[in-house]
Structure formats: C-alpha cells, structure tokens
C-alpha cells in the first residue's frame, strides 16, 4: 500500500504547487513581455476611454467582428457550447 499511496500524494502535491503557483507566475511573467504588458489596449475617443481587447458583443455592422462566443458575454451566467464546426 505504501508503494502506491506515497507516490500519489507526492504527485498530487507537486501538481498542486506547479499549477497553482509556478505555472501562474510563469504565464504572468510572459505576459509582461507582450505589447501593453498583458493588459487591454486603451483607446480614447471624444474624451471617453474604451478598452479594445476585452470581449464584448457588437450589435451594429459598422464595428469590427468580435471573438465568436456561443454564450452571452454576461459573466453572471454560464452555459455550455453545443455549436459544432
């Protein structure tokens, strides 16, 4: 039993540490080298500030196409995607 349980505990602790700490810090560090330091691009028009890299739905054709989404952009709700290619 010890030959099975201890490696499983070690692997669980390693994965928890790696994916909750080391991986997260590494991805944040990589984002610092991207344009705008991993933050959304700020656009100012007529004195009003807009963030262009944030997902949002567009209702008029004059705007550029946003990222496709199977669900509404409401963060309070969630749903699965049943759309196929």
PDB file of N, CA and C in Angstrom:
ATOM      1  N   UNK A   1       0.819  -1.185   0.000  1.00  0.00           N
ATOM      2  CA  UNK A   1       0.000   0.000   0.000  1.00  0.00           C
ATOM      3  C   UNK A   1       0.870   1.259   0.000  1.00  0.00           C
ATOM      4  N   UNK A   2       1.968   1.237   0.752  1.00  0.00           N
ATOM      5  CA  UNK A   2       2.845   2.404   0.809  1.00  0.00           C
ATOM      6  C   UNK A   2       3.478   2.688  -0.545  1.00  0.00           C
ATOM      7  N   UNK A   3       3.688   1.658  -1.325  1.00  0.00           N
ATOM      8  CA  UNK A   3       4.297   1.871  -2.636  1.00  0.00           C
ATOM      9  C   UNK A   3       3.337   2.558  -3.602  1.00  0.00           C
ATOM     10  N   UNK A   4       2.064   2.540  -3.301  1.00  0.00           N
ATOM     11  CA  UNK A   4       1.080   3.191  -4.165  1.00  0.00           C
ATOM     12  C   UNK A   4       0.651   4.557  -3.649  1.00  0.00           C
ATOM     13  N   UNK A   5       0.482   4.688  -2.352  1.00  0.00           N
ATOM     14  CA  UNK A   5      -0.107   5.908  -1.798  1.00  0.00           C
ATOM     15  C   UNK A   5       0.889   7.065  -1.749  1.00  0.00           C
ATOM     16  N   UNK A   6       2.137   6.812  -1.382  1.00  0.00           N
ATOM     17  CA  UNK A   6       3.110   7.899  -1.261  1.00  0.00           C
ATOM     18  C   UNK A   6       3.447   8.549  -2.606  1.00  0.00           C
ATOM     19  N   UNK A   7       3.656   7.786  -3.664  1.00  0.00           N
ATOM     20  CA  UNK A   7       3.863   8.451  -4.960  1.00  0.00           C
ATOM     21  C   UNK A   7       2.636   9.260  -5.409  1.00  0.00           C
ATOM     22  N   UNK A   8       1.453   8.775  -5.098  1.00  0.00           N
ATOM     23  CA  UNK A   8       0.238   9.505  -5.459  1.00  0.00           C
ATOM     24  C   UNK A   8       0.142  10.814  -4.685  1.00  0.00           C
ATOM     25  N   UNK A   9       0.488  10.793  -3.413  1.00  0.00           N
ATOM     26  CA  UNK A   9       0.466  12.016  -2.598  1.00  0.00           C
ATOM     27  C   UNK A   9       1.517  12.998  -3.097  1.00  0.00           C
ATOM     28  N   UNK A  10       2.718  12.505  -3.407  1.00  0.00           N
ATOM     29  CA  UNK A  10       3.774  13.380  -3.923  1.00  0.00           C
ATOM     30  C   UNK A  10       3.377  14.008  -5.256  1.00  0.00           C
ATOM     31  N   UNK A  11       2.788  13.211  -6.132  1.00  0.00           N
ATOM     32  CA  UNK A  11       2.358  13.734  -7.422  1.00  0.00           C
ATOM     33  C   UNK A  11       1.248  14.770  -7.251  1.00  0.00           C
ATOM     34  N   UNK A  12       0.324  14.521  -6.347  1.00  0.00           N
ATOM     35  CA  UNK A  12      -0.750  15.479  -6.084  1.00  0.00           C
ATOM     36  C   UNK A  12      -0.194  16.790  -5.553  1.00  0.00           C
ATOM     37  N   UNK A  13       0.721  16.733  -4.617  1.00  0.00           N
ATOM     38  CA  UNK A  13       1.324  17.946  -4.069  1.00  0.00           C
ATOM     39  C   UNK A  13       2.137  18.691  -5.121  1.00  0.00           C
ATOM     40  N   UNK A  14       2.879  17.956  -5.927  1.00  0.00           N
ATOM     41  CA  UNK A  14       3.657  18.585  -6.992  1.00  0.00           C
ATOM     42  C   UNK A  14       2.749  19.299  -7.987  1.00  0.00           C
ATOM     43  N   UNK A  15       1.694  18.626  -8.431  1.00  0.00           N
ATOM     44  CA  UNK A  15       0.774  19.236  -9.399  1.00  0.00           C
ATOM     45  C   UNK A  15       0.065  20.445  -8.807  1.00  0.00           C
ATOM     46  N   UNK A  16      -0.331  20.358  -7.542  1.00  0.00           N
ATOM     47  CA  UNK A  16      -0.993  21.496  -6.896  1.00  0.00           C
ATOM     48  C   UNK A  16      -0.044  22.686  -6.813  1.00  0.00           C
ATOM     49  N   UNK A  17       1.188  22.453  -6.429  1.00  0.00           N
ATOM     50  CA  UNK A  17       2.165  23.531  -6.341  1.00  0.00           C
ATOM     51  C   UNK A  17       2.493  24.089  -7.721  1.00  0.00           C
ATOM     52  N   UNK A  18       2.703  23.208  -8.673  1.00  0.00           N
ATOM     53  CA  UNK A  18       3.087  23.648 -10.012  1.00  0.00           C
ATOM     54  C   UNK A  18       1.987  24.460 -10.674  1.00  0.00           C
ATOM     55  N   UNK A  19       0.770  23.923 -10.718  1.00  0.00           N
ATOM     56  CA  UNK A  19      -0.298  24.582 -11.467  1.00  0.00           C
ATOM     57  C   UNK A  19      -0.904  25.766 -10.727  1.00  0.00           C
ATOM     58  N   UNK A  20      -0.804  25.815  -9.416  1.00  0.00           N
ATOM     59  CA  UNK A  20      -1.368  26.965  -8.706  1.00  0.00           C
ATOM     60  C   UNK A  20      -0.340  28.062  -8.481  1.00  0.00           C
ATOM     61  N   UNK A  21       0.920  27.754  -8.566  1.00  0.00           N
ATOM     62  CA  UNK A  21       1.930  28.762  -8.279  1.00  0.00           C
ATOM     63  C   UNK A  21       2.898  29.003  -9.410  1.00  0.00           C
ATOM     64  N   UNK A  22       3.706  28.038  -9.700  1.00  0.00           N
ATOM     65  CA  UNK A  22       4.802  28.214 -10.654  1.00  0.00           C
ATOM     66  C   UNK A  22       4.281  28.519 -12.059  1.00  0.00           C
ATOM     67  N   UNK A  23       3.302  27.769 -12.529  1.00  0.00           N
ATOM     68  CA  UNK A  23       2.757  27.983 -13.869  1.00  0.00           C
ATOM     69  C   UNK A  23       2.103  29.358 -13.978  1.00  0.00           C
ATOM     70  N   UNK A  24       1.347  29.743 -12.960  1.00  0.00           N
ATOM     71  CA  UNK A  24       0.671  31.040 -12.975  1.00  0.00           C
ATOM     72  C   UNK A  24       1.672  32.183 -13.025  1.00  0.00           C
ATOM     73  N   UNK A  25       2.705  32.119 -12.217  1.00  0.00           N
ATOM     74  CA  UNK A  25       3.728  33.166 -12.211  1.00  0.00           C
ATOM     75  C   UNK A  25       4.469  33.196 -13.545  1.00  0.00           C
ATOM     76  N   UNK A  26       4.722  32.038 -14.132  1.00  0.00           N
ATOM     77  CA  UNK A  26       5.410  31.986 -15.421  1.00  0.00           C
ATOM     78  C   UNK A  26       4.571  32.637 -16.518  1.00  0.00           C
ATOM     79  N   UNK A  27       3.285  32.363 -16.555  1.00  0.00           N
ATOM     80  CA  UNK A  27       2.419  32.956 -17.571  1.00  0.00           C
ATOM     81  C   UNK A  27       2.311  34.463 -17.371  1.00  0.00           C
ATOM     82  N   UNK A  28       2.205  34.916 -16.127  1.00  0.00           N
ATOM     83  CA  UNK A  28       2.172  36.356 -15.865  1.00  0.00           C
ATOM     84  C   UNK A  28       3.486  37.018 -16.275  1.00  0.00           C
ATOM     85  N   UNK A  29       4.602  36.327 -16.060  1.00  0.00           N
ATOM     86  CA  UNK A  29       5.895  36.861 -16.484  1.00  0.00           C
ATOM     87  C   UNK A  29       6.000  36.975 -17.989  1.00  0.00           C
ATOM     88  N   UNK A  30       5.486  35.990 -18.711  1.00  0.00           N
ATOM     89  CA  UNK A  30       5.488  36.045 -20.174  1.00  0.00           C
ATOM     90  C   UNK A  30       4.601  37.186 -20.659  1.00  0.00           C
ATOM     91  N   UNK A  31       3.476  37.408 -19.996  1.00  0.00           N
ATOM     92  CA  UNK A  31       2.556  38.481 -20.396  1.00  0.00           C
ATOM     93  C   UNK A  31       3.200  39.851 -20.266  1.00  0.00           C
ATOM     94  N   UNK A  32       4.160  39.999 -19.364  1.00  0.00           N
ATOM     95  CA  UNK A  32       4.830  41.289 -19.198  1.00  0.00           C
ATOM     96  C   UNK A  32       5.662  41.672 -20.418  1.00  0.00           C
ATOM     97  N   UNK A  33       6.042  40.692 -21.248  1.00  0.00           N
ATOM     98  CA  UNK A  33       6.839  40.968 -22.438  1.00  0.00           C
ATOM     99  C   UNK A  33       5.984  41.193 -23.676  1.00  0.00           C
ATOM    100  N   UNK A  34       4.679  41.071 -23.559  1.00  0.00           N
ATOM    101  CA  UNK A  34       3.788  41.301 -24.684  1.00  0.00           C
ATOM    102  C   UNK A  34       3.447  42.786 -24.776  1.00  0.00           C
ATOM    103  N   UNK A  35       2.922  43.229 -25.908  1.00  0.00           N
ATOM    104  CA  UNK A  35       2.514  44.635 -26.001  1.00  0.00           C
ATOM    105  C   UNK A  35       1.489  44.972 -24.918  1.00  0.00           C
ATOM    106  N   UNK A  36       1.593  46.126 -24.350  1.00  0.00           N
ATOM    107  CA  UNK A  36       0.711  46.616 -23.281  1.00  0.00           C
ATOM    108  C   UNK A  36       0.834  45.798 -22.003  1.00  0.00           C
ATOM    109  N   UNK A  37       1.900  45.057 -21.847  1.00  0.00           N
ATOM    110  CA  UNK A  37       2.175  44.278 -20.639  1.00  0.00           C
ATOM    111  C   UNK A  37       1.043  43.338 -20.259  1.00  0.00           C
ATOM    112  N   UNK A  38       0.378  42.753 -21.231  1.00  0.00           N
ATOM    113  CA  UNK A  38      -0.686  41.800 -20.961  1.00  0.00           C
ATOM    114  C   UNK A  38      -1.990  42.437 -20.541  1.00  0.00           C
ATOM    115  N   UNK A  39      -2.085  43.740 -20.676  1.00  0.00           N
ATOM    116  CA  UNK A  39      -3.318  44.443 -20.317  1.00  0.00           C
ATOM    117  C   UNK A  39      -4.067  44.800 -21.592  1.00  0.00           C
ATOM    118  N   UNK A  40      -5.316  45.149 -21.466  1.00  0.00           N
ATOM    119  CA  UNK A  40      -6.096  45.562 -22.624  1.00  0.00           C
ATOM    120  C   UNK A  40      -5.601  46.876 -23.180  1.00  0.00           C
ATOM    121  N   UNK A  41      -5.752  47.055 -24.473  1.00  0.00           N
ATOM    122  CA  UNK A  41      -5.330  48.292 -25.118  1.00  0.00           C
ATOM    123  C   UNK A  41      -6.352  49.386 -24.820  1.00  0.00           C
ATOM    124  N   UNK A  42      -5.890  50.535 -24.386  1.00  0.00           N
ATOM    125  CA  UNK A  42      -6.775  51.640 -24.040  1.00  0.00           C
ATOM    126  C   UNK A  42      -6.941  52.545 -25.253  1.00  0.00           C
ATOM    127  N   UNK A  43      -8.180  52.803 -25.622  1.00  0.00           N
ATOM    128  CA  UNK A  43      -8.489  53.699 -26.729  1.00  0.00           C
ATOM    129  C   UNK A  43      -9.324  54.839 -26.177  1.00  0.00           C
ATOM    130  N   UNK A  44      -8.937  56.066 -26.496  1.00  0.00           N
ATOM    131  CA  UNK A  44      -9.680  57.244 -26.060  1.00  0.00           C
ATOM    132  C   UNK A  44     -10.270  57.927 -27.280  1.00  0.00           C
ATOM    133  N   UNK A  45     -11.577  58.178 -27.241  1.00  0.00           N
ATOM    134  CA  UNK A  45     -12.254  58.849 -28.340  1.00  0.00           C
ATOM    135  C   UNK A  45     -13.266  59.829 -27.764  1.00  0.00           C
ATOM    136  N   UNK A  46     -13.162  61.073 -28.168  1.00  0.00           N
ATOM    137  CA  UNK A  46     -14.045  62.141 -27.686  1.00  0.00           C
ATOM    138  C   UNK A  46     -14.029  62.250 -26.163  1.00  0.00           C
ATOM    139  N   UNK A  47     -12.879  62.057 -25.566  1.00  0.00           N
ATOM    140  CA  UNK A  47     -12.739  62.175 -24.121  1.00  0.00           C
ATOM    141  C   UNK A  47     -13.240  60.982 -23.340  1.00  0.00           C
ATOM    142  N   UNK A  48     -13.742  59.961 -24.010  1.00  0.00           N
ATOM    143  CA  UNK A  48     -14.236  58.763 -23.336  1.00  0.00           C
ATOM    144  C   UNK A  48     -13.251  57.622 -23.561  1.00  0.00           C
ATOM    145  N   UNK A  49     -12.969  56.859 -22.525  1.00  0.00           N
ATOM    146  CA  UNK A  49     -11.983  55.788 -22.593  1.00  0.00           C
ATOM    147  C   UNK A  49     -12.670  54.459 -22.882  1.00  0.00           C
ATOM    148  N   UNK A  50     -12.113  53.709 -23.843  1.00  0.00           N
ATOM    149  CA  UNK A  50     -12.605  52.386 -24.208  1.00  0.00           C
ATOM    150  C   UNK A  50     -11.449  51.401 -24.086  1.00  0.00           C
ATOM    151  N   UNK A  51     -11.763  50.144 -23.807  1.00  0.00           N
ATOM    152  CA  UNK A  51     -10.766  49.078 -23.774  1.00  0.00           C
ATOM    153  C   UNK A  51     -11.078  48.142 -24.928  1.00  0.00           C
ATOM    154  N   UNK A  52     -10.179  48.043 -25.886  1.00  0.00           N
ATOM    155  CA  UNK A  52     -10.497  47.317 -27.114  1.00  0.00           C
ATOM    156  C   UNK A  52     -10.266  45.817 -27.036  1.00  0.00           C
ATOM    157  N   UNK A  53      -9.424  45.333 -26.151  1.00  0.00           N
ATOM    158  CA  UNK A  53      -9.103  43.912 -26.119  1.00  0.00           C
ATOM    159  C   UNK A  53      -9.969  43.123 -25.147  1.00  0.00           C
ATOM    160  N   UNK A  54     -11.075  43.668 -24.750  1.00  0.00           N
ATOM    161  CA  UNK A  54     -11.969  42.976 -23.831  1.00  0.00           C
ATOM    162  C   UNK A  54     -13.133  42.432 -24.640  1.00  0.00           C
ATOM    163  N   UNK A  55     -13.485  41.162 -24.441  1.00  0.00           N
ATOM    164  CA  UNK A  55     -14.569  40.550 -25.187  1.00  0.00           C
ATOM    165  C   UNK A  55     -15.895  41.234 -24.913  1.00  0.00           C
ATOM    166  N   UNK A  56     -16.592  41.580 -25.971  1.00  0.00           N
ATOM    167  CA  UNK A  56     -17.896  42.210 -25.843  1.00  0.00           C
ATOM    168  C   UNK A  56     -18.686  41.933 -27.105  1.00  0.00           C
ATOM    169  N   UNK A  57     -19.984  41.999 -26.998  1.00  0.00           N
ATOM    170  CA  UNK A  57     -20.802  41.770 -28.179  1.00  0.00           C
ATOM    171  C   UNK A  57     -21.035  43.092 -28.900  1.00  0.00           C
ATOM    172  N   UNK A  58     -21.073  43.028 -30.220  1.00  0.00           N
ATOM    173  CA  UNK A  58     -21.314  44.206 -31.040  1.00  0.00           C
ATOM    174  C   UNK A  58     -22.638  44.015 -31.754  1.00  0.00           C
ATOM    175  N   UNK A  59     -23.458  45.042 -31.756  1.00  0.00           N
ATOM    176  CA  UNK A  59     -24.796  44.919 -32.324  1.00  0.00           C
ATOM    177  C   UNK A  59     -24.940  45.602 -33.672  1.00  0.00           C
ATOM    178  N   UNK A  60     -23.951  46.355 -34.108  1.00  0.00           N
ATOM    179  CA  UNK A  60     -24.037  47.054 -35.389  1.00  0.00           C
ATOM    180  C   UNK A  60     -22.919  46.593 -36.314  1.00  0.00           C
ATOM    181  N   UNK A  61     -23.217  46.596 -37.616  1.00  0.00           N
ATOM    182  CA  UNK A  61     -22.250  46.110 -38.601  1.00  0.00           C
ATOM    183  C   UNK A  61     -21.053  47.030 -38.776  1.00  0.00           C
ATOM    184  N   UNK A  62     -21.146  48.286 -38.346  1.00  0.00           N
ATOM    185  CA  UNK A  62     -20.028  49.206 -38.545  1.00  0.00           C
ATOM    186  C   UNK A  62     -18.836  48.888 -37.647  1.00  0.00           C
ATOM    187  N   UNK A  63     -19.046  48.067 -36.620  1.00  0.00           N
ATOM    188  CA  UNK A  63     -17.952  47.679 -35.732  1.00  0.00           C
ATOM    189  C   UNK A  63     -17.256  46.438 -36.280  1.00  0.00           C
ATOM    190  N   UNK A  64     -16.025  46.248 -35.871  1.00  0.00           N
ATOM    191  CA  UNK A  64     -15.294  45.068 -36.312  1.00  0.00           C
ATOM    192  C   UNK A  64     -15.898  43.812 -35.689  1.00  0.00           C
ATOM    193  N   UNK A  65     -15.562  42.674 -36.240  1.00  0.00           N
ATOM    194  CA  UNK A  65     -16.095  41.414 -35.724  1.00  0.00           C
ATOM    195  C   UNK A  65     -15.400  41.052 -34.430  1.00  0.00           C
ATOM    196  N   UNK A  66     -16.173  40.732 -33.441  1.00  0.00           N
ATOM    197  CA  UNK A  66     -15.587  40.344 -32.160  1.00  0.00           C
ATOM    198  C   UNK A  66     -15.278  38.856 -32.165  1.00  0.00           C
ATOM    199  N   UNK A  67     -14.703  38.396 -31.116  1.00  0.00           N
ATOM    200  CA  UNK A  67     -14.378  36.985 -30.955  1.00  0.00           C
ATOM    201  C   UNK A  67     -15.684  36.197 -30.869  1.00  0.00           C
ATOM    202  N   UNK A  68     -15.830  35.084 -31.606  1.00  0.00           N
ATOM    203  CA  UNK A  68     -17.086  34.334 -31.568  1.00  0.00           C
ATOM    204  C   UNK A  68     -17.319  33.704 -30.199  1.00  0.00           C
ATOM    205  N   UNK A  69     -18.558  33.723 -29.787  1.00  0.00           N
ATOM    206  CA  UNK A  69     -18.915  33.150 -28.498  1.00  0.00           C
ATOM    207  C   UNK A  69     -20.263  32.466 -28.626  1.00  0.00           C
ATOM    208  N   UNK A  70     -20.384  31.288 -28.032  1.00  0.00           N
ATOM    209  CA  UNK A  70     -21.639  30.551 -28.075  1.00  0.00           C
ATOM    210  C   UNK A  70     -22.616  31.049 -27.030  1.00  0.00           C
ATOM    211  N   UNK A  71     -22.128  31.783 -26.042  1.00  0.00           N
ATOM    212  CA  UNK A  71     -22.990  32.279 -24.972  1.00  0.00           C
ATOM    213  C   UNK A  71     -22.895  33.793 -24.911  1.00  0.00           C
ATOM    214  N   UNK A  72     -23.783  34.401 -24.176  1.00  0.00           N
ATOM    215  CA  UNK A  72     -23.784  35.841 -23.988  1.00  0.00           C
ATOM    216  C   UNK A  72     -22.546  36.252 -23.197  1.00  0.00           C
ATOM    217  N   UNK A  73     -22.159  37.504 -23.284  1.00  0.00           N
ATOM    218  CA  UNK A  73     -20.981  37.987 -22.576  1.00  0.00           C
ATOM    219  C   UNK A  73     -21.273  38.339 -21.126  1.00  0.00           C
ATOM    220  N   UNK A  74     -22.426  37.985 -20.611  1.00  0.00           N
ATOM    221  CA  UNK A  74     -22.772  38.219 -19.219  1.00  0.00           C
ATOM    222  C   UNK A  74     -21.955  37.269 -18.352  1.00  0.00           C
ATOM    223  N   UNK A  75     -21.127  37.808 -17.482  1.00  0.00           N
ATOM    224  CA  UNK A  75     -20.261  36.972 -16.651  1.00  0.00           C
ATOM    225  C   UNK A  75     -21.021  36.277 -15.534  1.00  0.00           C
ATOM    226  N   UNK A  76     -22.229  36.723 -15.233  1.00  0.00           N
ATOM    227  CA  UNK A  76     -23.004  36.110 -14.158  1.00  0.00           C
ATOM    228  C   UNK A  76     -23.567  34.757 -14.571  1.00  0.00           C
ATOM    229  N   UNK A  77     -23.775  34.548 -15.838  1.00  0.00           N
ATOM    230  CA  UNK A  77     -24.335  33.288 -16.304  1.00  0.00           C
ATOM    231  C   UNK A  77     -23.285  32.451 -16.998  1.00  0.00           C
ATOM    232  N   UNK A  78     -23.542  31.175 -17.093  1.00  0.00           N
ATOM    233  CA  UNK A  78     -22.624  30.300 -17.812  1.00  0.00           C
ATOM    234  C   UNK A  78     -23.437  29.230 -18.519  1.00  0.00           C
ATOM    235  N   UNK A  79     -22.889  28.734 -19.602  1.00  0.00           N
ATOM    236  CA  UNK A  79     -23.567  27.696 -20.359  1.00  0.00           C
ATOM    237  C   UNK A  79     -22.541  26.963 -21.201  1.00  0.00           C
ATOM    238  N   UNK A  80     -22.919  25.800 -21.613  1.00  0.00           N
ATOM    239  CA  UNK A  80     -22.053  25.018 -22.475  1.00  0.00           C
ATOM    240  C   UNK A  80     -22.233  25.422 -23.920  1.00  0.00           C
ATOM    241  N   UNK A  81     -21.306  25.017 -24.738  1.00  0.00           N
ATOM    242  CA  UNK A  81     -21.377  25.310 -26.160  1.00  0.00           C
ATOM    243  C   UNK A  81     -21.736  24.040 -26.905  1.00  0.00           C
ATOM    244  N   UNK A  82     -22.847  24.068 -27.606  1.00  0.00           N
ATOM    245  CA  UNK A  82     -23.252  22.917 -28.403  1.00  0.00           C
ATOM    246  C   UNK A  82     -23.045  23.164 -29.884  1.00  0.00           C
ATOM    247  N   UNK A  83     -22.378  24.257 -30.216  1.00  0.00           N
ATOM    248  CA  UNK A  83     -22.145  24.573 -31.619  1.00  0.00           C
ATOM    249  C   UNK A  83     -20.985  23.747 -32.156  1.00  0.00           C
ATOM    250  N   UNK A  84     -21.199  23.135 -33.276  1.00  0.00           N
ATOM    251  CA  UNK A  84     -20.152  22.359 -33.920  1.00  0.00           C
ATOM    252  C   UNK A  84     -19.546  23.138 -35.068  1.00  0.00           C
ATOM    253  N   UNK A  85     -18.475  22.626 -35.637  1.00  0.00           N
ATOM    254  CA  UNK A  85     -17.845  23.342 -36.752  1.00  0.00           C
ATOM    255  C   UNK A  85     -18.693  23.341 -37.999  1.00  0.00           C
TER     256      UNK A  85
END
